[in-house]
Amino acid sequence: MPYAPIAIDREALTIMNVPFPDLETLESTAEAIGSNMFEGFQPTRKGIEIIRDYCLGKIPFAQLTATAKEKSYE
């Protein structure tokens, strides 16, 4: 599947309309998503919310990996 860019709005602090509290979190999340997209990951709004919450420390790594294994981010 070809790489397709996602909507990132640094002024509104959103990725695919998912809000972020600050530019640093938005950019670290965008970098993580971008790296995984080159490996075939297709981001969804729910997936971005999960990655954002992990970057903010709201969910532990174990929950992030369990979610990825179950593909419950789709």
PDB file of N, CA and C in Angstrom:
ATOM      1  N   MET A   1       0.843  -1.167   0.000  1.00  0.00           N
ATOM      2  CA  MET A   1       0.000   0.000   0.000  1.00  0.00           C
ATOM      3  C   MET A   1       0.897   1.241   0.000  1.00  0.00           C
ATOM      4  N   PRO A   2       0.611   2.222  -0.858  1.00  0.00           N
ATOM      5  CA  PRO A   2       1.458   3.407  -0.938  1.00  0.00           C
ATOM      6  C   PRO A   2       1.309   4.315   0.284  1.00  0.00           C
ATOM      7  N   TYR A   3       2.366   5.064   0.531  1.00  0.00           N
ATOM      8  CA  TYR A   3       2.367   6.029   1.626  1.00  0.00           C
ATOM      9  C   TYR A   3       1.410   7.164   1.281  1.00  0.00           C
ATOM     10  N   ALA A   4       0.553   7.534   2.230  1.00  0.00           N
ATOM     11  CA  ALA A   4      -0.366   8.663   2.041  1.00  0.00           C
ATOM     12  C   ALA A   4      -0.200   9.604   3.228  1.00  0.00           C
ATOM     13  N   PRO A   5       0.048  10.880   2.959  1.00  0.00           N
ATOM     14  CA  PRO A   5       0.224  11.825   4.073  1.00  0.00           C
ATOM     15  C   PRO A   5      -1.047  11.976   4.900  1.00  0.00           C
ATOM     16  N   ILE A   6      -0.864  12.334   6.163  1.00  0.00           N
ATOM     17  CA  ILE A   6      -2.015  12.566   7.039  1.00  0.00           C
ATOM     18  C   ILE A   6      -2.101  14.064   7.352  1.00  0.00           C
ATOM     19  N   ALA A   7      -3.284  14.501   7.758  1.00  0.00           N
ATOM     20  CA  ALA A   7      -3.507  15.918   8.045  1.00  0.00           C
ATOM     21  C   ALA A   7      -2.917  16.293   9.397  1.00  0.00           C
ATOM     22  N   ILE A   8      -1.907  17.156   9.362  1.00  0.00           N
ATOM     23  CA  ILE A   8      -1.289  17.678  10.575  1.00  0.00           C
ATOM     24  C   ILE A   8      -1.435  19.192  10.548  1.00  0.00           C
ATOM     25  N   ASP A   9      -2.058  19.735  11.577  1.00  0.00           N
ATOM     26  CA  ASP A   9      -2.247  21.178  11.681  1.00  0.00           C
ATOM     27  C   ASP A   9      -1.512  21.665  12.930  1.00  0.00           C
ATOM     28  N   ARG A  10      -0.322  22.217  12.716  1.00  0.00           N
ATOM     29  CA  ARG A  10       0.507  22.662  13.835  1.00  0.00           C
ATOM     30  C   ARG A  10      -0.051  23.904  14.518  1.00  0.00           C
ATOM     31  N   GLU A  11      -0.840  24.678  13.815  1.00  0.00           N
ATOM     32  CA  GLU A  11      -1.440  25.863  14.438  1.00  0.00           C
ATOM     33  C   GLU A  11      -2.611  25.474  15.343  1.00  0.00           C
ATOM     34  N   ALA A  12      -3.446  24.558  14.867  1.00  0.00           N
ATOM     35  CA  ALA A  12      -4.591  24.112  15.670  1.00  0.00           C
ATOM     36  C   ALA A  12      -4.201  22.980  16.619  1.00  0.00           C
ATOM     37  N   LEU A  13      -2.954  22.492  16.502  1.00  0.00           N
ATOM     38  CA  LEU A  13      -2.441  21.389  17.321  1.00  0.00           C
ATOM     39  C   LEU A  13      -3.301  20.138  17.164  1.00  0.00           C
ATOM     40  N   THR A  14      -3.485  19.699  15.903  1.00  0.00           N
ATOM     41  CA  THR A  14      -4.254  18.481  15.638  1.00  0.00           C
ATOM     42  C   THR A  14      -3.544  17.606  14.611  1.00  0.00           C
ATOM     43  N   ILE A  15      -3.768  16.318  14.748  1.00  0.00           N
ATOM     44  CA  ILE A  15      -3.402  15.339  13.731  1.00  0.00           C
ATOM     45  C   ILE A  15      -4.691  14.599  13.413  1.00  0.00           C
ATOM     46  N   MET A  16      -5.099  14.630  12.161  1.00  0.00           N
ATOM     47  CA  MET A  16      -6.368  14.023  11.739  1.00  0.00           C
ATOM     48  C   MET A  16      -7.506  14.452  12.671  1.00  0.00           C
ATOM     49  N   ASN A  17      -7.494  15.729  13.026  1.00  0.00           N
ATOM     50  CA  ASN A  17      -8.497  16.344  13.911  1.00  0.00           C
ATOM     51  C   ASN A  17      -8.462  15.840  15.354  1.00  0.00           C
ATOM     52  N   VAL A  18      -7.427  15.116  15.734  1.00  0.00           N
ATOM     53  CA  VAL A  18      -7.241  14.707  17.132  1.00  0.00           C
ATOM     54  C   VAL A  18      -6.454  15.829  17.810  1.00  0.00           C
ATOM     55  N   PRO A  19      -6.997  16.422  18.866  1.00  0.00           N
ATOM     56  CA  PRO A  19      -6.321  17.544  19.517  1.00  0.00           C
ATOM     57  C   PRO A  19      -5.141  17.111  20.395  1.00  0.00           C
ATOM     58  N   PHE A  20      -4.156  18.005  20.464  1.00  0.00           N
ATOM     59  CA  PHE A  20      -2.970  17.804  21.292  1.00  0.00           C
ATOM     60  C   PHE A  20      -2.805  19.005  22.217  1.00  0.00           C
ATOM     61  N   PRO A  21      -2.244  18.786  23.411  1.00  0.00           N
ATOM     62  CA  PRO A  21      -2.117  19.888  24.365  1.00  0.00           C
ATOM     63  C   PRO A  21      -0.997  20.864  24.041  1.00  0.00           C
ATOM     64  N   ASP A  22      -0.004  20.394  23.259  1.00  0.00           N
ATOM     65  CA  ASP A  22       1.133  21.259  22.953  1.00  0.00           C
ATOM     66  C   ASP A  22       1.845  20.766  21.698  1.00  0.00           C
ATOM     67  N   LEU A  23       2.668  21.634  21.134  1.00  0.00           N
ATOM     68  CA  LEU A  23       3.370  21.321  19.889  1.00  0.00           C
ATOM     69  C   LEU A  23       4.378  20.190  20.068  1.00  0.00           C
ATOM     70  N   GLU A  24       5.032  20.128  21.211  1.00  0.00           N
ATOM     71  CA  GLU A  24       6.032  19.073  21.452  1.00  0.00           C
ATOM     72  C   GLU A  24       5.386  17.681  21.385  1.00  0.00           C
ATOM     73  N   THR A  25       4.246  17.506  22.017  1.00  0.00           N
ATOM     74  CA  THR A  25       3.553  16.214  21.992  1.00  0.00           C
ATOM     75  C   THR A  25       3.051  15.905  20.590  1.00  0.00           C
ATOM     76  N   LEU A  26       2.526  16.913  19.902  1.00  0.00           N
ATOM     77  CA  LEU A  26       2.062  16.707  18.529  1.00  0.00           C
ATOM     78  C   LEU A  26       3.209  16.223  17.651  1.00  0.00           C
ATOM     79  N   GLU A  27       4.353  16.886  17.734  1.00  0.00           N
ATOM     80  CA  GLU A  27       5.473  16.522  16.874  1.00  0.00           C
ATOM     81  C   GLU A  27       6.058  15.160  17.216  1.00  0.00           C
ATOM     82  N   SER A  28       6.147  14.815  18.492  1.00  0.00           N
ATOM     83  CA  SER A  28       6.685  13.491  18.836  1.00  0.00           C
ATOM     84  C   SER A  28       5.716  12.398  18.385  1.00  0.00           C
ATOM     85  N   THR A  29       4.427  12.667  18.481  1.00  0.00           N
ATOM     86  CA  THR A  29       3.431  11.701  18.015  1.00  0.00           C
ATOM     87  C   THR A  29       3.489  11.583  16.496  1.00  0.00           C
ATOM     88  N   ALA A  30       3.595  12.704  15.796  1.00  0.00           N
ATOM     89  CA  ALA A  30       3.674  12.691  14.334  1.00  0.00           C
ATOM     90  C   ALA A  30       4.895  11.914  13.859  1.00  0.00           C
ATOM     91  N   GLU A  31       6.027  12.075  14.543  1.00  0.00           N
ATOM     92  CA  GLU A  31       7.240  11.338  14.182  1.00  0.00           C
ATOM     93  C   GLU A  31       7.044   9.837  14.367  1.00  0.00           C
ATOM     94  N   ALA A  32       6.427   9.444  15.478  1.00  0.00           N
ATOM     95  CA  ALA A  32       6.178   8.022  15.733  1.00  0.00           C
ATOM     96  C   ALA A  32       5.239   7.437  14.678  1.00  0.00           C
ATOM     97  N   ILE A  33       4.193   8.173  14.368  1.00  0.00           N
ATOM     98  CA  ILE A  33       3.238   7.702  13.366  1.00  0.00           C
ATOM     99  C   ILE A  33       3.902   7.606  11.998  1.00  0.00           C
ATOM    100  N   GLY A  34       4.655   8.649  11.622  1.00  0.00           N
ATOM    101  CA  GLY A  34       5.323   8.659  10.323  1.00  0.00           C
ATOM    102  C   GLY A  34       6.282   7.490  10.153  1.00  0.00           C
ATOM    103  N   SER A  35       7.057   7.194  11.184  1.00  0.00           N
ATOM    104  CA  SER A  35       7.988   6.061  11.119  1.00  0.00           C
ATOM    105  C   SER A  35       7.240   4.757  10.889  1.00  0.00           C
ATOM    106  N   ASN A  36       6.140   4.593  11.593  1.00  0.00           N
ATOM    107  CA  ASN A  36       5.364   3.361  11.460  1.00  0.00           C
ATOM    108  C   ASN A  36       4.608   3.283  10.139  1.00  0.00           C
ATOM    109  N   MET A  37       4.265   4.422   9.577  1.00  0.00           N
ATOM    110  CA  MET A  37       3.562   4.418   8.287  1.00  0.00           C
ATOM    111  C   MET A  37       4.450   3.850   7.186  1.00  0.00           C
ATOM    112  N   PHE A  38       5.748   4.089   7.261  1.00  0.00           N
ATOM    113  CA  PHE A  38       6.652   3.536   6.262  1.00  0.00           C
ATOM    114  C   PHE A  38       6.759   2.018   6.388  1.00  0.00           C
ATOM    115  N   GLU A  39       6.293   1.482   7.499  1.00  0.00           N
ATOM    116  CA  GLU A  39       6.291   0.034   7.723  1.00  0.00           C
ATOM    117  C   GLU A  39       4.915  -0.567   7.478  1.00  0.00           C
ATOM    118  N   GLY A  40       3.982   0.266   6.994  1.00  0.00           N
ATOM    119  CA  GLY A  40       2.664  -0.257   6.642  1.00  0.00           C
ATOM    120  C   GLY A  40       1.526   0.139   7.568  1.00  0.00           C
ATOM    121  N   PHE A  41       1.824   0.833   8.665  1.00  0.00           N
ATOM    122  CA  PHE A  41       0.775   1.271   9.588  1.00  0.00           C
ATOM    123  C   PHE A  41      -0.117   2.302   8.909  1.00  0.00           C
ATOM    124  N   GLN A  42      -1.424   2.108   9.014  1.00  0.00           N
ATOM    125  CA  GLN A  42      -2.384   3.060   8.480  1.00  0.00           C
ATOM    126  C   GLN A  42      -3.106   3.699   9.657  1.00  0.00           C
ATOM    127  N   PRO A  43      -2.770   4.940   9.965  1.00  0.00           N
ATOM    128  CA  PRO A  43      -3.335   5.576  11.151  1.00  0.00           C
ATOM    129  C   PRO A  43      -4.836   5.826  11.043  1.00  0.00           C
ATOM    130  N   THR A  44      -5.486   5.658  12.170  1.00  0.00           N
ATOM    131  CA  THR A  44      -6.901   5.992  12.310  1.00  0.00           C
ATOM    132  C   THR A  44      -6.991   7.027  13.421  1.00  0.00           C
ATOM    133  N   ARG A  45      -8.125   7.656  13.531  1.00  0.00           N
ATOM    134  CA  ARG A  45      -8.313   8.640  14.604  1.00  0.00           C
ATOM    135  C   ARG A  45      -8.095   7.977  15.968  1.00  0.00           C
ATOM    136  N   LYS A  46      -8.664   6.784  16.149  1.00  0.00           N
ATOM    137  CA  LYS A  46      -8.517   6.081  17.423  1.00  0.00           C
ATOM    138  C   LYS A  46      -7.051   5.728  17.687  1.00  0.00           C
ATOM    139  N   GLY A  47      -6.342   5.298  16.654  1.00  0.00           N
ATOM    140  CA  GLY A  47      -4.933   4.961  16.800  1.00  0.00           C
ATOM    141  C   GLY A  47      -4.098   6.168  17.204  1.00  0.00           C
ATOM    142  N   ILE A  48      -4.402   7.318  16.615  1.00  0.00           N
ATOM    143  CA  ILE A  48      -3.688   8.542  16.970  1.00  0.00           C
ATOM    144  C   ILE A  48      -3.980   8.932  18.415  1.00  0.00           C
ATOM    145  N   GLU A  49      -5.223   8.774  18.841  1.00  0.00           N
ATOM    146  CA  GLU A  49      -5.577   9.078  20.232  1.00  0.00           C
ATOM    147  C   GLU A  49      -4.791   8.188  21.195  1.00  0.00           C
ATOM    148  N   ILE A  50      -4.646   6.914  20.851  1.00  0.00           N
ATOM    149  CA  ILE A  50      -3.916   5.978  21.712  1.00  0.00           C
ATOM    150  C   ILE A  50      -2.437   6.351  21.788  1.00  0.00           C
ATOM    151  N   ILE A  51      -1.835   6.661  20.649  1.00  0.00           N
ATOM    152  CA  ILE A  51      -0.420   7.039  20.636  1.00  0.00           C
ATOM    153  C   ILE A  51      -0.215   8.351  21.393  1.00  0.00           C
ATOM    154  N   ARG A  52      -1.123   9.304  21.190  1.00  0.00           N
ATOM    155  CA  ARG A  52      -1.055  10.577  21.937  1.00  0.00           C
ATOM    156  C   ARG A  52      -1.102  10.319  23.443  1.00  0.00           C
ATOM    157  N   ASP A  53      -2.057   9.479  23.858  1.00  0.00           N
ATOM    158  CA  ASP A  53      -2.204   9.205  25.286  1.00  0.00           C
ATOM    159  C   ASP A  53      -0.984   8.503  25.859  1.00  0.00           C
ATOM    160  N   TYR A  54      -0.343   7.652  25.068  1.00  0.00           N
ATOM    161  CA  TYR A  54       0.898   7.015  25.518  1.00  0.00           C
ATOM    162  C   TYR A  54       1.997   8.078  25.675  1.00  0.00           C
ATOM    163  N   CYS A  55       2.126   8.960  24.685  1.00  0.00           N
ATOM    164  CA  CYS A  55       3.146  10.012  24.753  1.00  0.00           C
ATOM    165  C   CYS A  55       2.923  10.942  25.942  1.00  0.00           C
ATOM    166  N   LEU A  56       1.676  11.118  26.337  1.00  0.00           N
ATOM    167  CA  LEU A  56       1.347  11.976  27.481  1.00  0.00           C
ATOM    168  C   LEU A  56       1.435  11.239  28.816  1.00  0.00           C
ATOM    169  N   GLY A  57       1.716   9.932  28.765  1.00  0.00           N
ATOM    170  CA  GLY A  57       1.822   9.155  29.991  1.00  0.00           C
ATOM    171  C   GLY A  57       0.477   8.732  30.566  1.00  0.00           C
ATOM    172  N   LYS A  58      -0.574   8.835  29.773  1.00  0.00           N
ATOM    173  CA  LYS A  58      -1.910   8.460  30.253  1.00  0.00           C
ATOM    174  C   LYS A  58      -2.151   6.954  30.201  1.00  0.00           C
ATOM    175  N   ILE A  59      -1.417   6.257  29.322  1.00  0.00           N
ATOM    176  CA  ILE A  59      -1.519   4.792  29.276  1.00  0.00           C
ATOM    177  C   ILE A  59      -0.107   4.214  29.324  1.00  0.00           C
ATOM    178  N   PRO A  60       0.060   3.075  29.984  1.00  0.00           N
ATOM    179  CA  PRO A  60       1.395   2.465  30.083  1.00  0.00           C
ATOM    180  C   PRO A  60       1.777   1.739  28.792  1.00  0.00           C
ATOM    181  N   PHE A  61       3.077   1.470  28.655  1.00  0.00           N
ATOM    182  CA  PHE A  61       3.594   0.782  27.468  1.00  0.00           C
ATOM    183  C   PHE A  61       2.910  -0.567  27.272  1.00  0.00           C
ATOM    184  N   ALA A  62       2.659  -1.284  28.362  1.00  0.00           N
ATOM    185  CA  ALA A  62       2.014  -2.607  28.254  1.00  0.00           C
ATOM    186  C   ALA A  62       0.641  -2.492  27.587  1.00  0.00           C
ATOM    187  N   GLN A  63      -0.096  -1.451  27.925  1.00  0.00           N
ATOM    188  CA  GLN A  63      -1.414  -1.258  27.303  1.00  0.00           C
ATOM    189  C   GLN A  63      -1.263  -0.880  25.830  1.00  0.00           C
ATOM    190  N   LEU A  64      -0.261  -0.062  25.518  1.00  0.00           N
ATOM    191  CA  LEU A  64      -0.009   0.313  24.124  1.00  0.00           C
ATOM    192  C   LEU A  64       0.308  -0.917  23.283  1.00  0.00           C
ATOM    193  N   THR A  65       1.195  -1.779  23.786  1.00  0.00           N
ATOM    194  CA  THR A  65       1.562  -2.971  23.012  1.00  0.00           C
ATOM    195  C   THR A  65       0.402  -3.955  22.916  1.00  0.00           C
ATOM    196  N   ALA A  66      -0.382  -4.093  23.966  1.00  0.00           N
ATOM    197  CA  ALA A  66      -1.548  -4.982  23.919  1.00  0.00           C
ATOM    198  C   ALA A  66      -2.545  -4.489  22.878  1.00  0.00           C
ATOM    199  N   THR A  67      -2.746  -3.189  22.835  1.00  0.00           N
ATOM    200  CA  THR A  67      -3.660  -2.592  21.856  1.00  0.00           C
ATOM    201  C   THR A  67      -3.148  -2.843  20.449  1.00  0.00           C
ATOM    202  N   ALA A  68      -1.845  -2.700  20.249  1.00  0.00           N
ATOM    203  CA  ALA A  68      -1.261  -2.925  18.920  1.00  0.00           C
ATOM    204  C   ALA A  68      -1.396  -4.392  18.505  1.00  0.00           C
ATOM    205  N   LYS A  69      -1.144  -5.307  19.437  1.00  0.00           N
ATOM    206  CA  LYS A  69      -1.249  -6.733  19.113  1.00  0.00           C
ATOM    207  C   LYS A  69      -2.686  -7.121  18.764  1.00  0.00           C
ATOM    208  N   GLU A  70      -3.635  -6.529  19.464  1.00  0.00           N
ATOM    209  CA  GLU A  70      -5.050  -6.827  19.219  1.00  0.00           C
ATOM    210  C   GLU A  70      -5.603  -6.062  18.022  1.00  0.00           C
ATOM    211  N   LYS A  71      -4.827  -5.093  17.543  1.00  0.00           N
ATOM    212  CA  LYS A  71      -5.260  -4.197  16.469  1.00  0.00           C
ATOM    213  C   LYS A  71      -6.585  -3.523  16.835  1.00  0.00           C
ATOM    214  N   SER A  72      -6.752  -3.198  18.109  1.00  0.00           N
ATOM    215  CA  SER A  72      -7.981  -2.557  18.562  1.00  0.00           C
ATOM    216  C   SER A  72      -7.931  -1.048  18.387  1.00  0.00           C
ATOM    217  N   TYR A  73      -6.940  -0.573  17.624  1.00  0.00           N
ATOM    218  CA  TYR A  73      -6.832   0.851  17.330  1.00  0.00           C
ATOM    219  C   TYR A  73      -7.556   1.213  16.036  1.00  0.00           C
ATOM    220  N   GLU A  74      -8.081   0.233  15.348  1.00  0.00           N
ATOM    221  CA  GLU A  74      -8.705   0.477  14.042  1.00  0.00           C
ATOM    222  C   GLU A  74     -10.070   1.068  14.129  1.00  0.00           C
TER     223      GLU A  74
END
